[in-house]
Amino acid sequence: VQDYVAIAIVPDTASGTIKLLNTGKINLYIHAFEIDKKIKKLEKGRLISSASMDSAYYWLPTDMIPVGKAFDIKIYLTDEFNKKYLTEGGGESEKIDEQKIKVIVWTYKTMQSDWKF
């Protein structure tokens, strides 16, 4: 599955966001994401086109990230054929000063899933 459908969760220190990059071979649509058990559902699926690498991405808001602890990330996806997938990742954060946090994130895997809300 991971060569066909894959999402990379990467930090972007320049913008202070967490990017979701489609590193697979098919267009994907994000329907929701979960950080530290807090779910944000999107009204309509957000497209991340395939083979665009860093030029097309979606981002996760850093205000959902807990400060000073490890956290889980889940991304709820569909492909162009409406098959459902789940990407699992994680991260940890550390407070640098009153206005900055250091965030490290990683991706575990992407798999088919029958997620429902």
C-alpha atoms as a PDB file:
ATOM      1  CA  VAL A   1       0.000   0.000   0.000  1.00  0.00           C
ATOM      2  CA  GLN A   2       2.735   2.499   0.931  1.00  0.00           C
ATOM      3  CA  ASP A   3       4.178   2.881  -2.576  1.00  0.00           C
ATOM      4  CA  TYR A   4       0.659   3.608  -3.894  1.00  0.00           C
ATOM      5  CA  VAL A   5      -0.718   5.685  -0.994  1.00  0.00           C
ATOM      6  CA  ALA A   6       1.681   7.469   1.342  1.00  0.00           C
ATOM      7  CA  ILE A   7       1.705  10.658   3.386  1.00  0.00           C
ATOM      8  CA  ALA A   8       4.863  12.102   4.940  1.00  0.00           C
ATOM      9  CA  ILE A   9       4.442  14.230   8.074  1.00  0.00           C
ATOM     10  CA  VAL A  10       7.285  16.759   8.176  1.00  0.00           C
ATOM     11  CA  PRO A  11       8.006  19.943  10.145  1.00  0.00           C
ATOM     12  CA  ASP A  12       8.466  23.231   8.295  1.00  0.00           C
ATOM     13  CA  THR A  13      10.578  25.438  10.513  1.00  0.00           C
ATOM     14  CA  ALA A  14      10.354  28.400   8.124  1.00  0.00           C
ATOM     15  CA  SER A  15       6.565  28.667   8.415  1.00  0.00           C
ATOM     16  CA  GLY A  16       6.190  27.083  11.859  1.00  0.00           C
ATOM     17  CA  THR A  17       3.746  24.471  10.567  1.00  0.00           C
ATOM     18  CA  ILE A  18       3.627  20.720  10.087  1.00  0.00           C
ATOM     19  CA  LYS A  19       3.331  19.750   6.428  1.00  0.00           C
ATOM     20  CA  LEU A  20       1.525  16.740   5.026  1.00  0.00           C
ATOM     21  CA  LEU A  21       3.157  15.687   1.751  1.00  0.00           C
ATOM     22  CA  ASN A  22       1.685  13.152  -0.663  1.00  0.00           C
ATOM     23  CA  THR A  23       4.607  10.873  -1.509  1.00  0.00           C
ATOM     24  CA  GLY A  24       2.433   8.198  -3.138  1.00  0.00           C
ATOM     25  CA  LYS A  25       1.201   7.692  -6.701  1.00  0.00           C
ATOM     26  CA  ILE A  26      -2.436   8.828  -6.487  1.00  0.00           C
ATOM     27  CA  ASN A  27      -4.262  11.995  -5.462  1.00  0.00           C
ATOM     28  CA  LEU A  28      -5.450  11.931  -1.853  1.00  0.00           C
ATOM     29  CA  TYR A  29      -8.118  13.858   0.029  1.00  0.00           C
ATOM     30  CA  ILE A  30      -7.822  14.704   3.712  1.00  0.00           C
ATOM     31  CA  HIS A  31     -11.160  14.498   5.552  1.00  0.00           C
ATOM     32  CA  ALA A  32      -9.930  14.910   9.114  1.00  0.00           C
ATOM     33  CA  PHE A  33      -6.865  14.877  11.283  1.00  0.00           C
ATOM     34  CA  GLU A  34      -6.318  14.059  14.920  1.00  0.00           C
ATOM     35  CA  ILE A  35      -3.572  15.386  17.163  1.00  0.00           C
ATOM     36  CA  ASP A  36      -3.338  14.177  20.753  1.00  0.00           C
ATOM     37  CA  LYS A  37      -6.896  12.754  20.575  1.00  0.00           C
ATOM     38  CA  LYS A  38      -8.385  16.084  19.339  1.00  0.00           C
ATOM     39  CA  ILE A  39     -10.120  15.646  15.970  1.00  0.00           C
ATOM     40  CA  LYS A  40     -10.559  18.380  13.377  1.00  0.00           C
ATOM     41  CA  LYS A  41     -13.058  17.362  10.676  1.00  0.00           C
ATOM     42  CA  LEU A  42     -12.972  19.182   7.359  1.00  0.00           C
ATOM     43  CA  GLU A  43     -16.245  20.130   5.679  1.00  0.00           C
ATOM     44  CA  LYS A  44     -14.936  18.934   2.291  1.00  0.00           C
ATOM     45  CA  GLY A  45     -11.957  16.732   1.517  1.00  0.00           C
ATOM     46  CA  ARG A  46      -8.763  18.723   0.881  1.00  0.00           C
ATOM     47  CA  LEU A  47      -6.741  17.593  -2.120  1.00  0.00           C
ATOM     48  CA  ILE A  48      -3.055  16.814  -1.913  1.00  0.00           C
ATOM     49  CA  SER A  49      -2.024  15.980  -5.450  1.00  0.00           C
ATOM     50  CA  SER A  50       0.375  13.141  -6.153  1.00  0.00           C
ATOM     51  CA  ALA A  51       3.919  13.514  -7.436  1.00  0.00           C
ATOM     52  CA  SER A  52       4.029  17.188  -6.485  1.00  0.00           C
ATOM     53  CA  MET A  53       6.447  16.638  -3.603  1.00  0.00           C
ATOM     54  CA  ASP A  54       6.872  19.910  -1.697  1.00  0.00           C
ATOM     55  CA  SER A  55       4.894  22.117  -4.100  1.00  0.00           C
ATOM     56  CA  ALA A  56       1.461  20.871  -2.980  1.00  0.00           C
ATOM     57  CA  TYR A  57       0.799  20.068   0.642  1.00  0.00           C
ATOM     58  CA  TYR A  58      -1.633  20.504   3.488  1.00  0.00           C
ATOM     59  CA  TRP A  59      -0.617  21.654   6.952  1.00  0.00           C
ATOM     60  CA  LEU A  60      -1.550  20.883  10.512  1.00  0.00           C
ATOM     61  CA  PRO A  61      -2.106  23.744  12.949  1.00  0.00           C
ATOM     62  CA  THR A  62       0.509  23.872  15.661  1.00  0.00           C
ATOM     63  CA  ASP A  63      -1.962  25.254  18.206  1.00  0.00           C
ATOM     64  CA  MET A  64      -3.357  21.699  18.554  1.00  0.00           C
ATOM     65  CA  ILE A  65       0.044  20.360  19.616  1.00  0.00           C
ATOM     66  CA  PRO A  66       0.485  19.747  23.337  1.00  0.00           C
ATOM     67  CA  VAL A  67       3.568  21.489  24.714  1.00  0.00           C
ATOM     68  CA  GLY A  68       6.236  19.475  26.484  1.00  0.00           C
ATOM     69  CA  LYS A  69       5.053  15.952  25.727  1.00  0.00           C
ATOM     70  CA  ALA A  70       4.763  13.235  23.095  1.00  0.00           C
ATOM     71  CA  PHE A  71       1.610  13.055  20.956  1.00  0.00           C
ATOM     72  CA  ASP A  72      -0.032  10.899  18.281  1.00  0.00           C
ATOM     73  CA  ILE A  73      -1.139  12.100  14.835  1.00  0.00           C
ATOM     74  CA  LYS A  74      -3.789  10.454  12.644  1.00  0.00           C
ATOM     75  CA  ILE A  75      -4.754  11.587   9.140  1.00  0.00           C
ATOM     76  CA  TYR A  76      -8.063  10.339   7.672  1.00  0.00           C
ATOM     77  CA  LEU A  77      -7.850  10.056   3.872  1.00  0.00           C
ATOM     78  CA  THR A  78      -9.591   8.854   0.735  1.00  0.00           C
ATOM     79  CA  ASP A  79      -8.226   8.338  -2.755  1.00  0.00           C
ATOM     80  CA  GLU A  80      -9.850   9.117  -6.128  1.00  0.00           C
ATOM     81  CA  PHE A  81     -11.786   5.842  -5.955  1.00  0.00           C
ATOM     82  CA  ASN A  82     -13.169   6.663  -2.481  1.00  0.00           C
ATOM     83  CA  LYS A  83     -11.076   3.989  -0.748  1.00  0.00           C
ATOM     84  CA  LYS A  84     -10.344   4.968   2.841  1.00  0.00           C
ATOM     85  CA  TYR A  85      -6.890   5.156   4.391  1.00  0.00           C
ATOM     86  CA  LEU A  86      -5.392   6.129   7.714  1.00  0.00           C
ATOM     87  CA  THR A  87      -1.919   7.577   8.198  1.00  0.00           C
ATOM     88  CA  GLU A  88      -0.453   7.269  11.679  1.00  0.00           C
ATOM     89  CA  GLY A  89       2.402   9.347  13.005  1.00  0.00           C
ATOM     90  CA  GLY A  90       3.622  10.975  16.120  1.00  0.00           C
ATOM     91  CA  GLY A  91       5.696  13.730  17.571  1.00  0.00           C
ATOM     92  CA  GLU A  92       6.995  15.502  20.599  1.00  0.00           C
ATOM     93  CA  SER A  93       7.337  19.138  21.515  1.00  0.00           C
ATOM     94  CA  GLU A  94       9.480  21.225  23.787  1.00  0.00           C
ATOM     95  CA  LYS A  95       9.009  24.819  24.888  1.00  0.00           C
ATOM     96  CA  ILE A  96      11.929  27.009  23.777  1.00  0.00           C
ATOM     97  CA  ASP A  97      10.684  30.339  25.165  1.00  0.00           C
ATOM     98  CA  GLU A  98       7.360  32.118  25.736  1.00  0.00           C
ATOM     99  CA  GLN A  99       6.589  32.323  21.994  1.00  0.00           C
ATOM    100  CA  LYS A 100       8.352  29.300  20.467  1.00  0.00           C
ATOM    101  CA  ILE A 101       8.121  25.552  20.710  1.00  0.00           C
ATOM    102  CA  LYS A 102      10.369  22.984  19.077  1.00  0.00           C
ATOM    103  CA  VAL A 103       8.384  20.248  17.327  1.00  0.00           C
ATOM    104  CA  ILE A 104       9.696  16.923  16.048  1.00  0.00           C
ATOM    105  CA  VAL A 105       7.303  14.762  13.993  1.00  0.00           C
ATOM    106  CA  TRP A 106       7.434  11.439  12.162  1.00  0.00           C
ATOM    107  CA  THR A 107       5.276   9.066  10.124  1.00  0.00           C
ATOM    108  CA  TYR A 108       4.682   5.438  11.128  1.00  0.00           C
ATOM    109  CA  LYS A 109       2.591   4.064   8.266  1.00  0.00           C
ATOM    110  CA  THR A 110      -0.352   4.485   5.921  1.00  0.00           C
ATOM    111  CA  MET A 111      -2.883   1.646   5.698  1.00  0.00           C
ATOM    112  CA  GLN A 112      -6.356   0.917   4.408  1.00  0.00           C
ATOM    113  CA  SER A 113      -8.972   1.626   7.041  1.00  0.00           C
ATOM    114  CA  ASP A 114     -12.734   1.702   7.415  1.00  0.00           C
ATOM    115  CA  TRP A 115     -12.812   4.893   9.505  1.00  0.00           C
ATOM    116  CA  LYS A 116     -16.152   6.548  10.327  1.00  0.00           C
ATOM    117  CA  PHE A 117     -17.184   9.718  12.152  1.00  0.00           C
END
